PDB file of N, CA and C in Angstrom:
ATOM      1  N   UNK A   1     108.248  92.235  70.140  1.00  0.00           N
ATOM      2  CA  UNK A   1     109.156  92.490  71.235  1.00  0.00           C
ATOM      3  C   UNK A   1     108.465  92.320  72.587  1.00  0.00           C
ATOM      4  N   UNK A   2     107.234  92.783  72.708  1.00  0.00           N
ATOM      5  CA  UNK A   2     106.505  92.673  73.970  1.00  0.00           C
ATOM      6  C   UNK A   2     106.321  91.212  74.363  1.00  0.00           C
ATOM      7  N   UNK A   3     106.078  90.340  73.381  1.00  0.00           N
ATOM      8  CA  UNK A   3     105.901  88.928  73.683  1.00  0.00           C
ATOM      9  C   UNK A   3     107.148  88.343  74.329  1.00  0.00           C
ATOM     10  N   UNK A   4     108.314  88.743  73.861  1.00  0.00           N
ATOM     11  CA  UNK A   4     109.566  88.262  74.429  1.00  0.00           C
ATOM     12  C   UNK A   4     109.667  88.667  75.905  1.00  0.00           C
ATOM     13  N   UNK A   5     109.315  89.903  76.218  1.00  0.00           N
ATOM     14  CA  UNK A   5     109.343  90.372  77.606  1.00  0.00           C
ATOM     15  C   UNK A   5     108.400  89.571  78.483  1.00  0.00           C
ATOM     16  N   UNK A   6     107.214  89.264  77.965  1.00  0.00           N
ATOM     17  CA  UNK A   6     106.265  88.492  78.750  1.00  0.00           C
ATOM     18  C   UNK A   6     106.722  87.048  78.900  1.00  0.00           C
ATOM     19  N   UNK A   7     107.401  86.499  77.897  1.00  0.00           N
ATOM     20  CA  UNK A   7     107.942  85.144  78.029  1.00  0.00           C
ATOM     21  C   UNK A   7     108.999  85.093  79.125  1.00  0.00           C
ATOM     22  N   UNK A   8     109.838  86.097  79.188  1.00  0.00           N
ATOM     23  CA  UNK A   8     110.854  86.177  80.241  1.00  0.00           C
ATOM     24  C   UNK A   8     110.173  86.300  81.602  1.00  0.00           C
ATOM     25  N   UNK A   9     109.176  87.167  81.690  1.00  0.00           N
ATOM     26  CA  UNK A   9     108.418  87.359  82.932  1.00  0.00           C
ATOM     27  C   UNK A   9     107.804  86.044  83.398  1.00  0.00           C
ATOM     28  N   UNK A  10     107.122  85.364  82.507  1.00  0.00           N
ATOM     29  CA  UNK A  10     106.451  84.107  82.862  1.00  0.00           C
ATOM     30  C   UNK A  10     107.445  83.057  83.324  1.00  0.00           C
ATOM     31  N   UNK A  11     108.532  82.944  82.609  1.00  0.00           N
ATOM     32  CA  UNK A  11     109.567  81.968  82.949  1.00  0.00           C
ATOM     33  C   UNK A  11     110.182  82.276  84.313  1.00  0.00           C
ATOM     34  N   UNK A  12     110.437  83.549  84.572  1.00  0.00           N
ATOM     35  CA  UNK A  12     111.067  83.934  85.832  1.00  0.00           C
ATOM     36  C   UNK A  12     110.135  83.777  87.023  1.00  0.00           C
ATOM     37  N   UNK A  13     108.869  84.054  86.841  1.00  0.00           N
ATOM     38  CA  UNK A  13     107.916  83.842  87.940  1.00  0.00           C
ATOM     39  C   UNK A  13     107.945  82.376  88.346  1.00  0.00           C
ATOM     40  N   UNK A  14     107.896  81.497  87.363  1.00  0.00           N
ATOM     41  CA  UNK A  14     107.938  80.059  87.637  1.00  0.00           C
ATOM     42  C   UNK A  14     109.262  79.675  88.297  1.00  0.00           C
ATOM     43  N   UNK A  15     110.373  80.187  87.776  1.00  0.00           N
ATOM     44  CA  UNK A  15     111.700  79.871  88.310  1.00  0.00           C
ATOM     45  C   UNK A  15     111.816  80.289  89.779  1.00  0.00           C
ATOM     46  N   UNK A  16     111.440  81.537  90.072  1.00  0.00           N
ATOM     47  CA  UNK A  16     111.560  82.024  91.456  1.00  0.00           C
ATOM     48  C   UNK A  16     110.577  81.316  92.395  1.00  0.00           C
ATOM     49  N   UNK A  17     109.408  80.986  91.891  1.00  0.00           N
ATOM     50  CA  UNK A  17     108.435  80.239  92.707  1.00  0.00           C
ATOM     51  C   UNK A  17     109.025  78.895  93.107  1.00  0.00           C
ATOM     52  N   UNK A  18     109.602  78.203  92.133  1.00  0.00           N
ATOM     53  CA  UNK A  18     110.183  76.892  92.420  1.00  0.00           C
ATOM     54  C   UNK A  18     111.400  77.009  93.336  1.00  0.00           C
ATOM     55  N   UNK A  19     112.206  78.049  93.156  1.00  0.00           N
ATOM     56  CA  UNK A  19     113.365  78.260  94.035  1.00  0.00           C
ATOM     57  C   UNK A  19     112.937  78.430  95.489  1.00  0.00           C
ATOM     58  N   UNK A  20     111.778  79.049  95.693  1.00  0.00           N
ATOM     59  CA  UNK A  20     111.262  79.251  97.057  1.00  0.00           C
ATOM     60  C   UNK A  20     110.533  78.021  97.567  1.00  0.00           C
ATOM     61  N   UNK A  21     110.403  76.997  96.716  1.00  0.00           N
ATOM     62  CA  UNK A  21     109.764  75.754  97.128  1.00  0.00           C
ATOM     63  C   UNK A  21     108.254  75.851  97.247  1.00  0.00           C
ATOM     64  N   UNK A  22     107.650  76.755  96.492  1.00  0.00           N
ATOM     65  CA  UNK A  22     106.198  76.942  96.552  1.00  0.00           C
ATOM     66  C   UNK A  22     105.515  76.277  95.364  1.00  0.00           C
ATOM     67  N   UNK A  23     104.349  75.718  95.617  1.00  0.00           N
ATOM     68  CA  UNK A  23     103.509  75.238  94.530  1.00  0.00           C
ATOM     69  C   UNK A  23     102.736  76.429  93.970  1.00  0.00           C
ATOM     70  N   UNK A  24     102.109  76.224  92.841  1.00  0.00           N
ATOM     71  CA  UNK A  24     101.257  77.280  92.285  1.00  0.00           C
ATOM     72  C   UNK A  24     100.134  77.606  93.264  1.00  0.00           C
ATOM     73  N   UNK A  25      99.583  76.598  93.897  1.00  0.00           N
ATOM     74  CA  UNK A  25      98.504  76.824  94.861  1.00  0.00           C
ATOM     75  C   UNK A  25      98.981  77.653  96.044  1.00  0.00           C
ATOM     76  N   UNK A  26     100.139  77.332  96.584  1.00  0.00           N
ATOM     77  CA  UNK A  26     100.665  78.093  97.723  1.00  0.00           C
ATOM     78  C   UNK A  26     100.924  79.546  97.346  1.00  0.00           C
ATOM     79  N   UNK A  27     101.506  79.763  96.172  1.00  0.00           N
ATOM     80  CA  UNK A  27     101.745  81.136  95.718  1.00  0.00           C
ATOM     81  C   UNK A  27     100.429  81.868  95.528  1.00  0.00           C
ATOM     82  N   UNK A  28      99.476  81.203  94.914  1.00  0.00           N
ATOM     83  CA  UNK A  28      98.168  81.820  94.676  1.00  0.00           C
ATOM     84  C   UNK A  28      97.516  82.259  95.980  1.00  0.00           C
ATOM     85  N   UNK A  29      97.545  81.401  96.976  1.00  0.00           N
ATOM     86  CA  UNK A  29      96.937  81.724  98.270  1.00  0.00           C
ATOM     87  C   UNK A  29      97.634  82.925  98.902  1.00  0.00           C
ATOM     88  N   UNK A  30      98.962  82.922  98.886  1.00  0.00           N
ATOM     89  CA  UNK A  30      99.720  84.015  99.498  1.00  0.00           C
ATOM     90  C   UNK A  30      99.507  85.344  98.768  1.00  0.00           C
ATOM     91  N   UNK A  31      99.181  85.279  97.475  1.00  0.00           N
ATOM     92  CA  UNK A  31      98.960  86.496  96.673  1.00  0.00           C
ATOM     93  C   UNK A  31      97.480  86.860  96.558  1.00  0.00           C
ATOM     94  N   UNK A  32      96.622  86.073  97.175  1.00  0.00           N
ATOM     95  CA  UNK A  32      95.162  86.256  97.070  1.00  0.00           C
ATOM     96  C   UNK A  32      94.701  86.190  95.615  1.00  0.00           C
ATOM     97  N   UNK A  33      95.249  85.222  94.903  1.00  0.00           N
ATOM     98  CA  UNK A  33      94.862  84.978  93.512  1.00  0.00           C
ATOM     99  C   UNK A  33      94.393  83.538  93.395  1.00  0.00           C
ATOM    100  N   UNK A  34      93.791  83.204  92.275  1.00  0.00           N
ATOM    101  CA  UNK A  34      93.401  81.820  92.046  1.00  0.00           C
ATOM    102  C   UNK A  34      94.586  81.051  91.476  1.00  0.00           C
ATOM    103  N   UNK A  35      94.594  79.757  91.728  1.00  0.00           N
ATOM    104  CA  UNK A  35      95.654  78.920  91.177  1.00  0.00           C
ATOM    105  C   UNK A  35      95.589  78.932  89.648  1.00  0.00           C
ATOM    106  N   UNK A  36      94.386  79.047  89.098  1.00  0.00           N
ATOM    107  CA  UNK A  36      94.236  79.129  87.643  1.00  0.00           C
ATOM    108  C   UNK A  36      94.911  80.383  87.098  1.00  0.00           C
ATOM    109  N   UNK A  37      94.867  81.459  87.859  1.00  0.00           N
ATOM    110  CA  UNK A  37      95.496  82.701  87.416  1.00  0.00           C
ATOM    111  C   UNK A  37      97.024  82.558  87.431  1.00  0.00           C
ATOM    112  N   UNK A  38      97.565  81.997  88.487  1.00  0.00           N
ATOM    113  CA  UNK A  38      99.020  81.772  88.556  1.00  0.00           C
ATOM    114  C   UNK A  38      99.445  80.834  87.434  1.00  0.00           C
ATOM    115  N   UNK A  39      98.723  79.769  87.259  1.00  0.00           N
ATOM    116  CA  UNK A  39      99.028  78.815  86.198  1.00  0.00           C
ATOM    117  C   UNK A  39      98.959  79.488  84.829  1.00  0.00           C
ATOM    118  N   UNK A  40      97.942  80.309  84.631  1.00  0.00           N
ATOM    119  CA  UNK A  40      97.782  81.020  83.363  1.00  0.00           C
ATOM    120  C   UNK A  40      98.917  81.992  83.096  1.00  0.00           C
ATOM    121  N   UNK A  41      99.392  82.654  84.128  1.00  0.00           N
ATOM    122  CA  UNK A  41     100.528  83.574  83.985  1.00  0.00           C
ATOM    123  C   UNK A  41     101.763  82.783  83.571  1.00  0.00           C
ATOM    124  N   UNK A  42     102.027  81.694  84.267  1.00  0.00           N
ATOM    125  CA  UNK A  42     103.222  80.899  83.978  1.00  0.00           C
ATOM    126  C   UNK A  42     103.166  80.246  82.598  1.00  0.00           C
ATOM    127  N   UNK A  43     101.977  79.950  82.096  1.00  0.00           N
ATOM    128  CA  UNK A  43     101.835  79.330  80.772  1.00  0.00           C
ATOM    129  C   UNK A  43     101.682  80.351  79.657  1.00  0.00           C
ATOM    130  N   UNK A  44     101.595  81.619  80.011  1.00  0.00           N
ATOM    131  CA  UNK A  44     101.460  82.657  78.998  1.00  0.00           C
ATOM    132  C   UNK A  44     100.036  82.904  78.549  1.00  0.00           C
ATOM    133  N   UNK A  45      99.088  82.360  79.269  1.00  0.00           N
ATOM    134  CA  UNK A  45      97.676  82.568  78.941  1.00  0.00           C
ATOM    135  C   UNK A  45      97.202  83.945  79.399  1.00  0.00           C
ATOM    136  N   UNK A  46      97.748  84.402  80.538  1.00  0.00           N
ATOM    137  CA  UNK A  46      97.393  85.711  81.085  1.00  0.00           C
ATOM    138  C   UNK A  46      98.650  86.551  81.253  1.00  0.00           C
ATOM    139  N   UNK A  47      98.524  87.833  81.017  1.00  0.00           N
ATOM    140  CA  UNK A  47      99.588  88.779  81.323  1.00  0.00           C
ATOM    141  C   UNK A  47      99.213  89.465  82.632  1.00  0.00           C
ATOM    142  N   UNK A  48     100.069  89.377  83.634  1.00  0.00           N
ATOM    143  CA  UNK A  48      99.723  89.935  84.931  1.00  0.00           C
ATOM    144  C   UNK A  48      99.747  91.459  84.937  1.00  0.00           C
ATOM    145  N   UNK A  49      98.910  92.031  85.761  1.00  0.00           N
ATOM    146  CA  UNK A  49      98.919  93.480  85.957  1.00  0.00           C
ATOM    147  C   UNK A  49     100.147  93.861  86.771  1.00  0.00           C
ATOM    148  N   UNK A  50     100.447  95.138  86.800  1.00  0.00           N
ATOM    149  CA  UNK A  50     101.565  95.618  87.612  1.00  0.00           C
ATOM    150  C   UNK A  50     101.316  95.279  89.083  1.00  0.00           C
ATOM    151  N   UNK A  51     100.093  95.434  89.524  1.00  0.00           N
ATOM    152  CA  UNK A  51      99.735  95.112  90.910  1.00  0.00           C
ATOM    153  C   UNK A  51     100.027  93.641  91.213  1.00  0.00           C
ATOM    154  N   UNK A  52      99.691  92.764  90.279  1.00  0.00           N
ATOM    155  CA  UNK A  52      99.928  91.332  90.461  1.00  0.00           C
ATOM    156  C   UNK A  52     101.415  91.023  90.468  1.00  0.00           C
ATOM    157  N   UNK A  53     102.176  91.659  89.585  1.00  0.00           N
ATOM    158  CA  UNK A  53     103.627  91.463  89.549  1.00  0.00           C
ATOM    159  C   UNK A  53     104.239  91.848  90.893  1.00  0.00           C
ATOM    160  N   UNK A  54     103.812  92.972  91.438  1.00  0.00           N
ATOM    161  CA  UNK A  54     104.344  93.416  92.731  1.00  0.00           C
ATOM    162  C   UNK A  54     103.923  92.475  93.855  1.00  0.00           C
ATOM    163  N   UNK A  55     102.705  91.965  93.811  1.00  0.00           N
ATOM    164  CA  UNK A  55     102.238  91.036  94.846  1.00  0.00           C
ATOM    165  C   UNK A  55     103.043  89.741  94.812  1.00  0.00           C
ATOM    166  N   UNK A  56     103.282  89.218  93.619  1.00  0.00           N
ATOM    167  CA  UNK A  56     104.064  87.988  93.485  1.00  0.00           C
ATOM    168  C   UNK A  56     105.498  88.232  93.954  1.00  0.00           C
ATOM    169  N   UNK A  57     106.075  89.347  93.556  1.00  0.00           N
ATOM    170  CA  UNK A  57     107.442  89.674  93.959  1.00  0.00           C
ATOM    171  C   UNK A  57     107.557  89.780  95.476  1.00  0.00           C
ATOM    172  N   UNK A  58     106.571  90.383  96.104  1.00  0.00           N
ATOM    173  CA  UNK A  58     106.596  90.523  97.562  1.00  0.00           C
ATOM    174  C   UNK A  58     106.564  89.153  98.239  1.00  0.00           C
ATOM    175  N   UNK A  59     105.693  88.283  97.767  1.00  0.00           N
ATOM    176  CA  UNK A  59     105.604  86.933  98.347  1.00  0.00           C
ATOM    177  C   UNK A  59     106.903  86.168  98.127  1.00  0.00           C
ATOM    178  N   UNK A  60     107.507  86.323  96.960  1.00  0.00           N
ATOM    179  CA  UNK A  60     108.743  85.608  96.651  1.00  0.00           C
ATOM    180  C   UNK A  60     109.982  86.307  97.215  1.00  0.00           C
ATOM    181  N   UNK A  61     109.765  87.476  97.814  1.00  0.00           N
ATOM    182  CA  UNK A  61     110.835  88.254  98.442  1.00  0.00           C
ATOM    183  C   UNK A  61     111.951  88.609  97.454  1.00  0.00           C
ATOM    184  N   UNK A  62     111.538  89.107  96.283  1.00  0.00           N
ATOM    185  CA  UNK A  62     112.505  89.579  95.288  1.00  0.00           C
ATOM    186  C   UNK A  62     112.044  90.930  94.766  1.00  0.00           C
ATOM    187  N   UNK A  63     112.959  91.639  94.141  1.00  0.00           N
ATOM    188  CA  UNK A  63     112.612  92.906  93.508  1.00  0.00           C
ATOM    189  C   UNK A  63     111.879  92.612  92.200  1.00  0.00           C
ATOM    190  N   UNK A  64     110.772  93.314  91.915  1.00  0.00           N
ATOM    191  CA  UNK A  64     109.985  93.036  90.708  1.00  0.00           C
ATOM    192  C   UNK A  64     110.774  93.098  89.401  1.00  0.00           C
ATOM    193  N   UNK A  65     111.790  93.951  89.328  1.00  0.00           N
ATOM    194  CA  UNK A  65     112.539  94.069  88.079  1.00  0.00           C
ATOM    195  C   UNK A  65     113.231  92.760  87.702  1.00  0.00           C
ATOM    196  N   UNK A  66     113.499  91.900  88.679  1.00  0.00           N
ATOM    197  CA  UNK A  66     114.182  90.636  88.403  1.00  0.00           C
ATOM    198  C   UNK A  66     113.361  89.715  87.521  1.00  0.00           C
ATOM    199  N   UNK A  67     112.054  89.908  87.488  1.00  0.00           N
ATOM    200  CA  UNK A  67     111.211  89.101  86.611  1.00  0.00           C
ATOM    201  C   UNK A  67     111.496  89.376  85.124  1.00  0.00           C
ATOM    202  N   UNK A  68     112.103  90.516  84.840  1.00  0.00           N
ATOM    203  CA  UNK A  68     112.297  90.919  83.455  1.00  0.00           C
ATOM    204  C   UNK A  68     113.730  90.746  82.956  1.00  0.00           C
ATOM    205  N   UNK A  69     114.572  90.116  83.765  1.00  0.00           N
ATOM    206  CA  UNK A  69     115.968  89.908  83.383  1.00  0.00           C
ATOM    207  C   UNK A  69     116.150  88.477  82.923  1.00  0.00           C
ATOM    208  N   UNK A  70     116.701  88.331  81.742  1.00  0.00           N
ATOM    209  CA  UNK A  70     116.888  86.996  81.173  1.00  0.00           C
ATOM    210  C   UNK A  70     118.019  86.268  81.838  1.00  0.00           C
TER     211      UNK A  70
END
């Protein structure tokens, strides 16, 4: 079950990033993360911390809970 939640999270981060017209590099810079970390989150290689989820949500100007809605 947890894997399904993380798949939704990863997919939504990518979706909202693209909706805002940001590249992975631009998002990474705005969140003070590496592009490899953003890429890894979107590909399911890394599971982001709560702090990272909130940082990404702030940059994308959305509520963090939206990452978990299918």
